[in-house]
Amino acid sequence: MIVKEVLNEELLTLAEVKEILSDIAEERRERDLELAYEFRKALHHAELFAKASPGKSRELVNKLLELEKMKPVIAIRIADLIPQSRDELRAVYAKEKYTLSSEELDQILELVAEAID
């Protein structure tokens, strides 16, 4: 399949991707259509690694975006990975040109803990 033009682009969490792919797979199964290999692999990956529900992951992203040093890409990454420690969170920020204080890290970890409860 060759893509000629991108019509719309939106950042999604892995949980949201899992929900969308599951809906598409169910629709195709109802119509007795075969699922392509790449599609099955993408769905399996999303099912394997999505750690929260789509609603909770989007809610976490929205809360994270309210923070001062938060970019949408990083908020999505945090919602996908659900870091449990400062070290895991620092790994998410490893490529950024700035570092976060201990208070900022703790604030993010609190938001993550609230989201998964």
N, C-alpha and C. Protein backbone atom coordinates (compact mmCIF):
# COMPACT_ATOMS: atom_id res chain seq x y z
N MET A 1 0.84 -1.17 0.00
CA MET A 1 0.00 0.00 0.00
C MET A 1 0.89 1.24 0.00
N ILE A 2 0.64 2.14 -0.90
CA ILE A 2 1.41 3.37 -1.00
C ILE A 2 0.55 4.52 -0.51
N VAL A 3 1.09 5.27 0.44
CA VAL A 3 0.37 6.42 0.97
C VAL A 3 0.75 7.64 0.15
N LYS A 4 -0.24 8.30 -0.39
CA LYS A 4 0.02 9.46 -1.23
C LYS A 4 0.04 10.75 -0.44
N GLU A 5 -0.81 10.83 0.57
CA GLU A 5 -0.93 12.08 1.31
C GLU A 5 -1.43 11.78 2.71
N VAL A 6 -0.88 12.46 3.69
CA VAL A 6 -1.35 12.33 5.06
C VAL A 6 -2.46 13.34 5.25
N LEU A 7 -3.65 12.86 5.60
CA LEU A 7 -4.79 13.75 5.76
C LEU A 7 -4.91 14.30 7.17
N ASN A 8 -4.51 13.48 8.14
CA ASN A 8 -4.67 13.88 9.52
C ASN A 8 -3.63 13.14 10.35
N GLU A 9 -3.11 13.79 11.35
CA GLU A 9 -2.13 13.16 12.22
C GLU A 9 -2.46 13.50 13.66
N GLU A 10 -2.48 12.47 14.50
CA GLU A 10 -2.82 12.66 15.90
C GLU A 10 -1.97 11.71 16.75
N LEU A 11 -1.48 12.19 17.87
CA LEU A 11 -0.72 11.34 18.78
C LEU A 11 -1.69 10.52 19.61
N LEU A 12 -1.48 9.22 19.64
CA LEU A 12 -2.33 8.31 20.40
C LEU A 12 -1.50 7.50 21.37
N THR A 13 -2.11 7.16 22.49
CA THR A 13 -1.45 6.25 23.42
C THR A 13 -1.60 4.83 22.89
N LEU A 14 -0.80 3.94 23.39
CA LEU A 14 -0.86 2.55 22.95
C LEU A 14 -2.21 1.92 23.30
N ALA A 15 -2.79 2.32 24.43
CA ALA A 15 -4.10 1.80 24.81
C ALA A 15 -5.17 2.25 23.82
N GLU A 16 -5.07 3.47 23.33
CA GLU A 16 -6.02 3.95 22.33
C GLU A 16 -5.84 3.22 21.01
N VAL A 17 -4.59 2.97 20.65
CA VAL A 17 -4.30 2.23 19.43
C VAL A 17 -4.87 0.82 19.54
N LYS A 18 -4.71 0.20 20.69
CA LYS A 18 -5.24 -1.15 20.91
C LYS A 18 -6.75 -1.17 20.71
N GLU A 19 -7.44 -0.17 21.25
CA GLU A 19 -8.89 -0.11 21.12
C GLU A 19 -9.31 0.05 19.65
N ILE A 20 -8.63 0.93 18.93
CA ILE A 20 -8.95 1.16 17.52
C ILE A 20 -8.69 -0.10 16.69
N LEU A 21 -7.53 -0.72 16.90
CA LEU A 21 -7.20 -1.93 16.15
C LEU A 21 -8.15 -3.08 16.48
N SER A 22 -8.54 -3.18 17.74
CA SER A 22 -9.48 -4.24 18.14
C SER A 22 -10.83 -4.05 17.46
N ASP A 23 -11.28 -2.80 17.38
CA ASP A 23 -12.55 -2.50 16.71
C ASP A 23 -12.48 -2.86 15.23
N ILE A 24 -11.38 -2.51 14.59
CA ILE A 24 -11.20 -2.82 13.17
C ILE A 24 -11.15 -4.33 12.96
N ALA A 25 -10.42 -5.03 13.83
CA ALA A 25 -10.31 -6.48 13.71
C ALA A 25 -11.68 -7.14 13.88
N GLU A 26 -12.46 -6.69 14.84
CA GLU A 26 -13.79 -7.25 15.06
C GLU A 26 -14.69 -7.02 13.84
N GLU A 27 -14.62 -5.82 13.30
CA GLU A 27 -15.42 -5.50 12.11
C GLU A 27 -15.03 -6.39 10.93
N ARG A 28 -13.74 -6.60 10.75
CA ARG A 28 -13.27 -7.45 9.64
C ARG A 28 -13.65 -8.91 9.85
N ARG A 29 -13.60 -9.37 11.09
CA ARG A 29 -13.99 -10.75 11.37
C ARG A 29 -15.47 -10.97 11.09
N GLU A 30 -16.30 -9.96 11.45
CA GLU A 30 -17.74 -10.07 11.19
C GLU A 30 -18.03 -10.16 9.70
N ARG A 31 -17.21 -9.52 8.90
CA ARG A 31 -17.40 -9.54 7.44
C ARG A 31 -16.60 -10.66 6.78
N ASP A 32 -16.02 -11.54 7.59
CA ASP A 32 -15.21 -12.67 7.10
C ASP A 32 -14.04 -12.24 6.22
N LEU A 33 -13.41 -11.15 6.61
CA LEU A 33 -12.22 -10.69 5.89
C LEU A 33 -10.98 -11.12 6.66
N GLU A 34 -9.94 -11.40 5.94
CA GLU A 34 -8.68 -11.83 6.55
C GLU A 34 -7.93 -10.61 7.10
N LEU A 35 -7.26 -10.83 8.21
CA LEU A 35 -6.42 -9.78 8.78
C LEU A 35 -5.00 -9.93 8.24
N ALA A 36 -4.44 -8.86 7.75
CA ALA A 36 -3.08 -8.90 7.20
C ALA A 36 -2.07 -9.21 8.30
N TYR A 37 -0.96 -9.77 7.91
CA TYR A 37 0.10 -10.13 8.86
C TYR A 37 0.54 -8.92 9.68
N GLU A 38 0.80 -7.81 9.02
CA GLU A 38 1.26 -6.60 9.71
C GLU A 38 0.22 -6.11 10.70
N PHE A 39 -1.04 -6.19 10.31
CA PHE A 39 -2.12 -5.77 11.19
C PHE A 39 -2.16 -6.65 12.43
N ARG A 40 -2.07 -7.96 12.23
CA ARG A 40 -2.09 -8.89 13.37
C ARG A 40 -0.92 -8.63 14.31
N LYS A 41 0.25 -8.38 13.75
CA LYS A 41 1.43 -8.09 14.58
C LYS A 41 1.24 -6.79 15.37
N ALA A 42 0.70 -5.77 14.73
CA ALA A 42 0.46 -4.49 15.41
C ALA A 42 -0.56 -4.66 16.54
N LEU A 43 -1.62 -5.40 16.28
CA LEU A 43 -2.63 -5.65 17.30
C LEU A 43 -2.05 -6.45 18.46
N HIS A 44 -1.26 -7.46 18.16
CA HIS A 44 -0.62 -8.27 19.21
C HIS A 44 0.29 -7.40 20.07
N HIS A 45 1.08 -6.54 19.44
CA HIS A 45 1.97 -5.64 20.18
C HIS A 45 1.16 -4.72 21.10
N ALA A 46 0.11 -4.14 20.58
CA ALA A 46 -0.71 -3.24 21.38
C ALA A 46 -1.35 -3.98 22.55
N GLU A 47 -1.84 -5.20 22.31
CA GLU A 47 -2.45 -5.99 23.39
C GLU A 47 -1.42 -6.37 24.45
N LEU A 48 -0.21 -6.64 24.01
CA LEU A 48 0.84 -7.08 24.92
C LEU A 48 1.36 -5.95 25.81
N PHE A 49 1.48 -4.75 25.25
CA PHE A 49 2.16 -3.68 25.97
C PHE A 49 1.28 -2.55 26.48
N ALA A 50 0.02 -2.49 26.12
CA ALA A 50 -0.86 -1.45 26.65
C ALA A 50 -1.12 -1.76 28.12
N LYS A 51 -0.79 -0.81 28.99
CA LYS A 51 -0.85 -1.07 30.42
C LYS A 51 -2.07 -0.46 31.11
N ALA A 52 -2.79 0.41 30.43
CA ALA A 52 -3.94 1.07 31.04
C ALA A 52 -5.09 1.06 30.05
N SER A 53 -6.24 1.48 30.52
CA SER A 53 -7.38 1.60 29.61
C SER A 53 -7.22 2.86 28.77
N PRO A 54 -7.89 2.92 27.63
CA PRO A 54 -7.77 4.12 26.79
C PRO A 54 -8.19 5.40 27.50
N GLY A 55 -9.26 5.31 28.28
CA GLY A 55 -9.74 6.50 29.00
C GLY A 55 -8.74 6.99 30.04
N LYS A 56 -8.21 6.05 30.80
CA LYS A 56 -7.24 6.43 31.84
C LYS A 56 -5.94 6.96 31.23
N SER A 57 -5.50 6.35 30.14
CA SER A 57 -4.26 6.81 29.53
C SER A 57 -4.43 8.21 28.93
N ARG A 58 -5.58 8.50 28.32
CA ARG A 58 -5.82 9.84 27.76
C ARG A 58 -5.96 10.86 28.89
N GLU A 59 -6.60 10.46 29.98
CA GLU A 59 -6.74 11.34 31.14
C GLU A 59 -5.36 11.68 31.72
N LEU A 60 -4.49 10.68 31.79
CA LEU A 60 -3.13 10.91 32.27
C LEU A 60 -2.38 11.87 31.35
N VAL A 61 -2.51 11.68 30.06
CA VAL A 61 -1.85 12.57 29.09
C VAL A 61 -2.33 14.00 29.29
N ASN A 62 -3.63 14.19 29.45
CA ASN A 62 -4.18 15.53 29.63
C ASN A 62 -3.66 16.18 30.91
N LYS A 63 -3.57 15.41 31.98
CA LYS A 63 -3.03 15.95 33.24
C LYS A 63 -1.54 16.29 33.10
N LEU A 64 -0.80 15.43 32.42
CA LEU A 64 0.63 15.68 32.23
C LEU A 64 0.86 16.93 31.38
N LEU A 65 0.02 17.16 30.40
CA LEU A 65 0.20 18.32 29.53
C LEU A 65 -0.02 19.65 30.25
N GLU A 66 -0.64 19.59 31.43
CA GLU A 66 -0.83 20.80 32.22
C GLU A 66 0.47 21.22 32.92
N LEU A 67 1.44 20.32 33.00
CA LEU A 67 2.71 20.62 33.65
C LEU A 67 3.56 21.51 32.74
N GLU A 68 4.47 22.25 33.36
CA GLU A 68 5.25 23.26 32.65
C GLU A 68 6.19 22.70 31.59
N LYS A 69 6.97 21.71 31.91
CA LYS A 69 8.01 21.20 30.99
C LYS A 69 7.56 19.95 30.24
N MET A 70 6.29 19.87 29.91
CA MET A 70 5.78 18.65 29.29
C MET A 70 5.44 18.89 27.83
N LYS A 71 5.97 18.01 26.98
CA LYS A 71 5.66 18.03 25.56
C LYS A 71 4.66 16.90 25.29
N PRO A 72 3.82 17.05 24.26
CA PRO A 72 2.84 15.99 23.97
C PRO A 72 3.48 14.62 23.72
N VAL A 73 4.59 14.58 23.03
CA VAL A 73 5.25 13.31 22.73
C VAL A 73 5.71 12.62 24.02
N ILE A 74 6.23 13.40 24.94
CA ILE A 74 6.71 12.83 26.21
C ILE A 74 5.52 12.38 27.06
N ALA A 75 4.45 13.14 27.06
CA ALA A 75 3.26 12.76 27.83
C ALA A 75 2.71 11.43 27.32
N ILE A 76 2.68 11.25 26.01
CA ILE A 76 2.22 9.99 25.43
C ILE A 76 3.15 8.85 25.83
N ARG A 77 4.45 9.10 25.78
CA ARG A 77 5.44 8.07 26.14
C ARG A 77 5.28 7.66 27.60
N ILE A 78 5.06 8.64 28.48
CA ILE A 78 4.87 8.34 29.90
C ILE A 78 3.60 7.52 30.10
N ALA A 79 2.52 7.88 29.40
CA ALA A 79 1.26 7.13 29.52
C ALA A 79 1.41 5.71 28.99
N ASP A 80 2.27 5.51 28.01
CA ASP A 80 2.50 4.16 27.48
C ASP A 80 3.37 3.31 28.39
N LEU A 81 4.40 3.92 28.95
CA LEU A 81 5.37 3.17 29.75
C LEU A 81 4.98 3.02 31.21
N ILE A 82 4.19 3.96 31.74
CA ILE A 82 3.80 3.98 33.15
C ILE A 82 5.04 3.78 34.05
N PRO A 83 5.96 4.74 34.05
CA PRO A 83 7.16 4.60 34.88
C PRO A 83 6.81 4.57 36.37
N GLN A 84 7.55 3.76 37.11
CA GLN A 84 7.29 3.59 38.54
C GLN A 84 8.36 4.22 39.42
N SER A 85 9.46 4.66 38.83
CA SER A 85 10.53 5.22 39.65
C SER A 85 11.12 6.45 38.95
N ARG A 86 11.91 7.18 39.70
CA ARG A 86 12.58 8.35 39.13
C ARG A 86 13.52 7.95 37.99
N ASP A 87 14.22 6.84 38.16
CA ASP A 87 15.16 6.40 37.13
C ASP A 87 14.45 6.07 35.83
N GLU A 88 13.31 5.40 35.92
CA GLU A 88 12.55 5.09 34.72
C GLU A 88 12.06 6.38 34.05
N LEU A 89 11.66 7.33 34.86
CA LEU A 89 11.19 8.62 34.33
C LEU A 89 12.33 9.41 33.71
N ARG A 90 13.49 9.36 34.33
CA ARG A 90 14.66 10.04 33.76
C ARG A 90 15.02 9.45 32.39
N ALA A 91 14.82 8.16 32.22
CA ALA A 91 15.11 7.52 30.94
C ALA A 91 14.21 8.08 29.84
N VAL A 92 12.98 8.43 30.18
CA VAL A 92 12.07 9.03 29.22
C VAL A 92 12.58 10.40 28.78
N TYR A 93 13.18 11.12 29.71
CA TYR A 93 13.69 12.46 29.44
C TYR A 93 15.16 12.48 29.00
N ALA A 94 15.73 11.34 28.75
CA ALA A 94 17.17 11.25 28.46
C ALA A 94 17.60 12.08 27.25
N LYS A 95 16.78 12.18 26.23
CA LYS A 95 17.16 12.91 25.02
C LYS A 95 16.86 14.40 25.09
N GLU A 96 16.19 14.82 26.12
CA GLU A 96 15.83 16.24 26.24
C GLU A 96 17.04 17.06 26.68
N LYS A 97 17.02 18.34 26.37
CA LYS A 97 18.14 19.22 26.67
C LYS A 97 18.07 19.80 28.08
N TYR A 98 17.10 19.37 28.84
CA TYR A 98 16.95 19.85 30.20
C TYR A 98 16.69 18.66 31.12
N THR A 99 16.91 18.87 32.39
CA THR A 99 16.63 17.83 33.38
C THR A 99 15.54 18.33 34.32
N LEU A 100 14.88 17.42 34.93
CA LEU A 100 13.81 17.76 35.86
C LEU A 100 14.32 17.67 37.29
N SER A 101 13.79 18.52 38.14
CA SER A 101 14.14 18.47 39.56
C SER A 101 13.45 17.27 40.20
N SER A 102 13.87 16.95 41.40
CA SER A 102 13.26 15.83 42.12
C SER A 102 11.78 16.08 42.37
N GLU A 103 11.43 17.33 42.63
CA GLU A 103 10.03 17.67 42.88
C GLU A 103 9.19 17.47 41.62
N GLU A 104 9.74 17.85 40.48
CA GLU A 104 9.01 17.68 39.22
C GLU A 104 8.84 16.19 38.89
N LEU A 105 9.89 15.41 39.12
CA LEU A 105 9.80 13.97 38.90
C LEU A 105 8.75 13.33 39.80
N ASP A 106 8.75 13.74 41.07
CA ASP A 106 7.78 13.20 42.02
C ASP A 106 6.35 13.58 41.63
N GLN A 107 6.18 14.80 41.14
CA GLN A 107 4.86 15.25 40.71
C GLN A 107 4.34 14.39 39.55
N ILE A 108 5.20 14.09 38.60
CA ILE A 108 4.82 13.24 37.47
C ILE A 108 4.50 11.83 37.96
N LEU A 109 5.33 11.29 38.84
CA LEU A 109 5.09 9.95 39.37
C LEU A 109 3.78 9.87 40.15
N GLU A 110 3.42 10.95 40.85
CA GLU A 110 2.14 10.99 41.56
C GLU A 110 0.97 10.93 40.58
N LEU A 111 1.08 11.68 39.48
CA LEU A 111 0.04 11.66 38.46
C LEU A 111 -0.10 10.26 37.85
N VAL A 112 1.03 9.62 37.61
CA VAL A 112 1.02 8.26 37.05
C VAL A 112 0.36 7.29 38.05
N ALA A 113 0.72 7.41 39.32
CA ALA A 113 0.16 6.52 40.34
C ALA A 113 -1.36 6.71 40.46
N GLU A 114 -1.82 7.95 40.38
CA GLU A 114 -3.25 8.23 40.45
C GLU A 114 -3.97 7.62 39.24
N ALA A 115 -3.34 7.67 38.10
CA ALA A 115 -3.98 7.21 36.85
C ALA A 115 -4.16 5.69 36.83
N ILE A 116 -3.23 4.95 37.42
CA ILE A 116 -3.32 3.49 37.34
C ILE A 116 -4.10 2.88 38.50
N ASP A 117 -4.47 3.66 39.47
CA ASP A 117 -5.26 3.13 40.59
C ASP A 117 -6.70 2.96 40.22
